[in-house]
Amino acid sequence: VIGVVGLLAYWAKMTSFWKVAAVYGGPWAIVNAWLGVVTLLHHTDTDVPHLEGDEWNFIRGAFLTIDRPYYKIVDWIQHHIGSTHVLHHINPRVPHYHAQEATEAIKKAFPDLYLHDPTPVHAALWRVVTNCISVKKVTSPVGS
């Protein structure tokens, strides 16, 4: 990290801060924002519970992720991780070139557990961020 910051500072000194911000900072911010959206949409939805303690086990956790198709070009660039994400949680060692086939097998074998949401990404993101509460405030009596 220190080395990267040092190289970026040197690059900015040799060119300009704005060039570094545009060429490095802009793409970095876009990629990180997209990764945040993807992670949120795979693991959160209005009807997906967050489990704690004894409620959670590997299979329940794996099947409480959501397969979501993204825009066609994004699906292709990301090797369909959006529409094969449940598989990724069940067995992350399945290579991307077998993920769609394996996902179809999971859908057939576990139709009551498998979650898929075809809602377009922008609509799903809006639904999740406006309706899902990550931390619910609990009020307790003073002095307890």
C-alpha atoms as a PDB file:
ATOM      1  CA  VAL A   1       0.000   0.000   0.000  1.00  0.00           C
ATOM      2  CA  ILE A   2       2.771   2.418   0.916  1.00  0.00           C
ATOM      3  CA  GLY A   3       4.576   1.603  -2.326  1.00  0.00           C
ATOM      4  CA  VAL A   4       1.461   2.224  -4.432  1.00  0.00           C
ATOM      5  CA  VAL A   5       0.760   5.537  -2.674  1.00  0.00           C
ATOM      6  CA  GLY A   6       4.410   6.500  -3.189  1.00  0.00           C
ATOM      7  CA  LEU A   7       4.283   5.664  -6.894  1.00  0.00           C
ATOM      8  CA  LEU A   8       1.027   7.565  -7.318  1.00  0.00           C
ATOM      9  CA  ALA A   9       2.500  10.591  -5.528  1.00  0.00           C
ATOM     10  CA  TYR A  10       5.603  10.438  -7.739  1.00  0.00           C
ATOM     11  CA  TRP A  11       3.445  10.134 -10.861  1.00  0.00           C
ATOM     12  CA  ALA A  12       1.376  13.145  -9.726  1.00  0.00           C
ATOM     13  CA  LYS A  13       4.549  15.150  -9.105  1.00  0.00           C
ATOM     14  CA  MET A  14       5.883  14.292 -12.580  1.00  0.00           C
ATOM     15  CA  THR A  15       2.565  14.983 -14.375  1.00  0.00           C
ATOM     16  CA  SER A  16      -0.317  16.429 -12.365  1.00  0.00           C
ATOM     17  CA  PHE A  17      -2.707  15.454  -9.615  1.00  0.00           C
ATOM     18  CA  TRP A  18      -5.641  15.682 -12.045  1.00  0.00           C
ATOM     19  CA  LYS A  19      -4.062  13.302 -14.545  1.00  0.00           C
ATOM     20  CA  VAL A  20      -3.518  10.699 -11.805  1.00  0.00           C
ATOM     21  CA  ALA A  21      -7.059  11.267 -10.513  1.00  0.00           C
ATOM     22  CA  ALA A  22      -8.515  10.775 -14.004  1.00  0.00           C
ATOM     23  CA  VAL A  23      -6.377   7.855 -15.167  1.00  0.00           C
ATOM     24  CA  TYR A  24      -6.092   5.948 -11.862  1.00  0.00           C
ATOM     25  CA  GLY A  25      -8.643   7.347  -9.413  1.00  0.00           C
ATOM     26  CA  GLY A  26     -11.643   7.409 -11.743  1.00  0.00           C
ATOM     27  CA  PRO A  27     -11.451   3.782 -12.859  1.00  0.00           C
ATOM     28  CA  TRP A  28     -10.591   2.687  -9.301  1.00  0.00           C
ATOM     29  CA  ALA A  29     -13.721   4.417  -7.946  1.00  0.00           C
ATOM     30  CA  ILE A  30     -15.967   2.978 -10.677  1.00  0.00           C
ATOM     31  CA  VAL A  31     -14.722  -0.597 -10.211  1.00  0.00           C
ATOM     32  CA  ASN A  32     -15.063  -0.400  -6.427  1.00  0.00           C
ATOM     33  CA  ALA A  33     -18.559   1.078  -6.662  1.00  0.00           C
ATOM     34  CA  TRP A  34     -19.592  -1.713  -9.050  1.00  0.00           C
ATOM     35  CA  LEU A  35     -18.146  -4.377  -6.745  1.00  0.00           C
ATOM     36  CA  GLY A  36     -20.133  -2.868  -3.878  1.00  0.00           C
ATOM     37  CA  VAL A  37     -23.356  -2.980  -5.917  1.00  0.00           C
ATOM     38  CA  VAL A  38     -22.730  -6.555  -7.052  1.00  0.00           C
ATOM     39  CA  THR A  39     -21.946  -7.733  -3.512  1.00  0.00           C
ATOM     40  CA  LEU A  40     -25.007  -5.998  -2.081  1.00  0.00           C
ATOM     41  CA  LEU A  41     -27.340  -7.433  -4.724  1.00  0.00           C
ATOM     42  CA  HIS A  42     -26.052 -10.994  -4.346  1.00  0.00           C
ATOM     43  CA  HIS A  43     -26.418 -11.080  -0.587  1.00  0.00           C
ATOM     44  CA  THR A  44     -29.353  -8.805   0.220  1.00  0.00           C
ATOM     45  CA  ASP A  45     -33.016  -8.598  -0.719  1.00  0.00           C
ATOM     46  CA  THR A  46     -36.290  -7.812   0.955  1.00  0.00           C
ATOM     47  CA  ASP A  47     -37.207 -11.466   1.490  1.00  0.00           C
ATOM     48  CA  VAL A  48     -33.762 -12.842   2.367  1.00  0.00           C
ATOM     49  CA  PRO A  49     -33.177 -13.162   6.118  1.00  0.00           C
ATOM     50  CA  HIS A  50     -29.844 -12.512   7.779  1.00  0.00           C
ATOM     51  CA  LEU A  51     -29.084 -15.466  10.011  1.00  0.00           C
ATOM     52  CA  GLU A  52     -27.255 -15.495  13.335  1.00  0.00           C
ATOM     53  CA  GLY A  53     -25.881 -18.137  15.647  1.00  0.00           C
ATOM     54  CA  ASP A  54     -27.713 -21.449  15.502  1.00  0.00           C
ATOM     55  CA  GLU A  55     -29.951 -20.292  12.639  1.00  0.00           C
ATOM     56  CA  TRP A  56     -27.005 -20.282  10.261  1.00  0.00           C
ATOM     57  CA  ASN A  57     -25.395 -23.296   8.624  1.00  0.00           C
ATOM     58  CA  PHE A  58     -23.368 -23.678   5.443  1.00  0.00           C
ATOM     59  CA  ILE A  59     -26.235 -24.833   3.220  1.00  0.00           C
ATOM     60  CA  ARG A  60     -28.703 -22.200   4.455  1.00  0.00           C
ATOM     61  CA  GLY A  61     -26.074 -19.501   4.015  1.00  0.00           C
ATOM     62  CA  ALA A  62     -25.159 -20.680   0.519  1.00  0.00           C
ATOM     63  CA  PHE A  63     -28.777 -20.844  -0.624  1.00  0.00           C
ATOM     64  CA  LEU A  64     -29.616 -17.423   0.825  1.00  0.00           C
ATOM     65  CA  THR A  65     -27.598 -15.738  -1.894  1.00  0.00           C
ATOM     66  CA  ILE A  66     -29.374 -14.600  -5.034  1.00  0.00           C
ATOM     67  CA  ASP A  67     -28.656 -15.228  -8.687  1.00  0.00           C
ATOM     68  CA  ARG A  68     -29.305 -12.053 -10.688  1.00  0.00           C
ATOM     69  CA  PRO A  69     -28.687 -11.627 -14.381  1.00  0.00           C
ATOM     70  CA  TYR A  70     -26.944  -8.364 -15.220  1.00  0.00           C
ATOM     71  CA  TYR A  71     -26.925  -6.580 -18.527  1.00  0.00           C
ATOM     72  CA  LYS A  72     -25.736  -8.933 -21.324  1.00  0.00           C
ATOM     73  CA  ILE A  73     -22.319  -7.317 -21.780  1.00  0.00           C
ATOM     74  CA  VAL A  74     -21.716  -7.301 -18.010  1.00  0.00           C
ATOM     75  CA  ASP A  75     -22.726 -10.973 -17.738  1.00  0.00           C
ATOM     76  CA  TRP A  76     -20.240 -11.800 -20.478  1.00  0.00           C
ATOM     77  CA  ILE A  77     -17.398  -9.711 -18.987  1.00  0.00           C
ATOM     78  CA  GLN A  78     -17.973 -11.157 -15.495  1.00  0.00           C
ATOM     79  CA  HIS A  79     -18.347 -14.759 -16.766  1.00  0.00           C
ATOM     80  CA  HIS A  80     -21.998 -14.856 -15.615  1.00  0.00           C
ATOM     81  CA  ILE A  81     -21.114 -14.593 -11.929  1.00  0.00           C
ATOM     82  CA  GLY A  82     -24.379 -12.701 -11.454  1.00  0.00           C
ATOM     83  CA  SER A  83     -26.539 -15.552 -12.681  1.00  0.00           C
ATOM     84  CA  THR A  84     -24.373 -18.303 -11.160  1.00  0.00           C
ATOM     85  CA  HIS A  85     -23.651 -16.759  -7.757  1.00  0.00           C
ATOM     86  CA  VAL A  86     -25.499 -19.368  -5.692  1.00  0.00           C
ATOM     87  CA  LEU A  87     -23.201 -22.011  -7.215  1.00  0.00           C
ATOM     88  CA  HIS A  88     -20.205 -19.887  -6.231  1.00  0.00           C
ATOM     89  CA  HIS A  89     -21.302 -20.142  -2.588  1.00  0.00           C
ATOM     90  CA  ILE A  90     -22.042 -23.868  -2.772  1.00  0.00           C
ATOM     91  CA  ASN A  91     -18.808 -24.788  -4.535  1.00  0.00           C
ATOM     92  CA  PRO A  92     -16.420 -21.975  -5.529  1.00  0.00           C
ATOM     93  CA  ARG A  93     -14.095 -24.462  -7.242  1.00  0.00           C
ATOM     94  CA  VAL A  94     -16.420 -24.959 -10.218  1.00  0.00           C
ATOM     95  CA  PRO A  95     -14.769 -23.104 -13.118  1.00  0.00           C
ATOM     96  CA  HIS A  96     -16.714 -20.321 -14.822  1.00  0.00           C
ATOM     97  CA  TYR A  97     -17.009 -22.307 -18.051  1.00  0.00           C
ATOM     98  CA  HIS A  98     -19.093 -24.951 -16.224  1.00  0.00           C
ATOM     99  CA  ALA A  99     -20.985 -22.544 -13.950  1.00  0.00           C
ATOM    100  CA  GLN A 100     -24.123 -22.170 -16.070  1.00  0.00           C
ATOM    101  CA  GLU A 101     -24.473 -25.940 -16.486  1.00  0.00           C
ATOM    102  CA  ALA A 102     -23.921 -26.506 -12.757  1.00  0.00           C
ATOM    103  CA  THR A 103     -26.439 -23.762 -11.891  1.00  0.00           C
ATOM    104  CA  GLU A 104     -29.081 -25.499 -14.013  1.00  0.00           C
ATOM    105  CA  ALA A 105     -28.408 -28.714 -12.064  1.00  0.00           C
ATOM    106  CA  ILE A 106     -28.808 -26.828  -8.751  1.00  0.00           C
ATOM    107  CA  LYS A 107     -32.117 -25.300  -9.928  1.00  0.00           C
ATOM    108  CA  LYS A 108     -33.461 -28.788 -10.743  1.00  0.00           C
ATOM    109  CA  ALA A 109     -32.109 -30.490  -7.605  1.00  0.00           C
ATOM    110  CA  PHE A 110     -33.136 -27.775  -5.109  1.00  0.00           C
ATOM    111  CA  PRO A 111     -36.112 -25.877  -6.559  1.00  0.00           C
ATOM    112  CA  ASP A 112     -37.395 -24.843  -3.109  1.00  0.00           C
ATOM    113  CA  LEU A 113     -34.034 -23.457  -1.962  1.00  0.00           C
ATOM    114  CA  TYR A 114     -32.642 -21.825  -5.101  1.00  0.00           C
ATOM    115  CA  LEU A 115     -33.153 -18.026  -5.324  1.00  0.00           C
ATOM    116  CA  HIS A 116     -33.223 -16.151  -8.637  1.00  0.00           C
ATOM    117  CA  ASP A 117     -34.382 -12.598  -9.234  1.00  0.00           C
ATOM    118  CA  PRO A 118     -34.729 -11.410 -12.847  1.00  0.00           C
ATOM    119  CA  THR A 119     -35.434  -7.794 -11.805  1.00  0.00           C
ATOM    120  CA  PRO A 120     -33.212  -5.400 -13.791  1.00  0.00           C
ATOM    121  CA  VAL A 121     -30.161  -4.294 -11.794  1.00  0.00           C
ATOM    122  CA  HIS A 122     -31.170  -0.648 -11.425  1.00  0.00           C
ATOM    123  CA  ALA A 123     -34.659  -1.590 -10.132  1.00  0.00           C
ATOM    124  CA  ALA A 124     -33.299  -4.304  -7.802  1.00  0.00           C
ATOM    125  CA  LEU A 125     -30.695  -1.911  -6.406  1.00  0.00           C
ATOM    126  CA  TRP A 126     -33.332   0.730  -5.705  1.00  0.00           C
ATOM    127  CA  ARG A 127     -35.610  -1.848  -4.031  1.00  0.00           C
ATOM    128  CA  VAL A 128     -32.792  -3.159  -1.847  1.00  0.00           C
ATOM    129  CA  VAL A 129     -31.385   0.191  -0.713  1.00  0.00           C
ATOM    130  CA  THR A 130     -34.821   1.644   0.033  1.00  0.00           C
ATOM    131  CA  ASN A 131     -36.382  -1.398   1.732  1.00  0.00           C
ATOM    132  CA  CYS A 132     -33.627  -3.379   3.440  1.00  0.00           C
ATOM    133  CA  ILE A 133     -32.381  -2.449   6.885  1.00  0.00           C
ATOM    134  CA  SER A 134     -28.892  -3.682   7.701  1.00  0.00           C
ATOM    135  CA  VAL A 135     -28.974  -2.718  11.358  1.00  0.00           C
ATOM    136  CA  LYS A 136     -32.245  -2.204  13.156  1.00  0.00           C
ATOM    137  CA  LYS A 137     -32.056   0.166  16.098  1.00  0.00           C
ATOM    138  CA  VAL A 138     -33.126  -1.455  19.358  1.00  0.00           C
ATOM    139  CA  THR A 139     -33.917   0.791  22.264  1.00  0.00           C
ATOM    140  CA  SER A 140     -33.287  -0.495  25.735  1.00  0.00           C
ATOM    141  CA  PRO A 141     -34.324   0.964  29.066  1.00  0.00           C
ATOM    142  CA  VAL A 142     -31.831   3.357  30.679  1.00  0.00           C
ATOM    143  CA  GLY A 143     -29.509   1.603  33.118  1.00  0.00           C
ATOM    144  CA  SER A 144     -29.888  -1.919  31.738  1.00  0.00           C
END
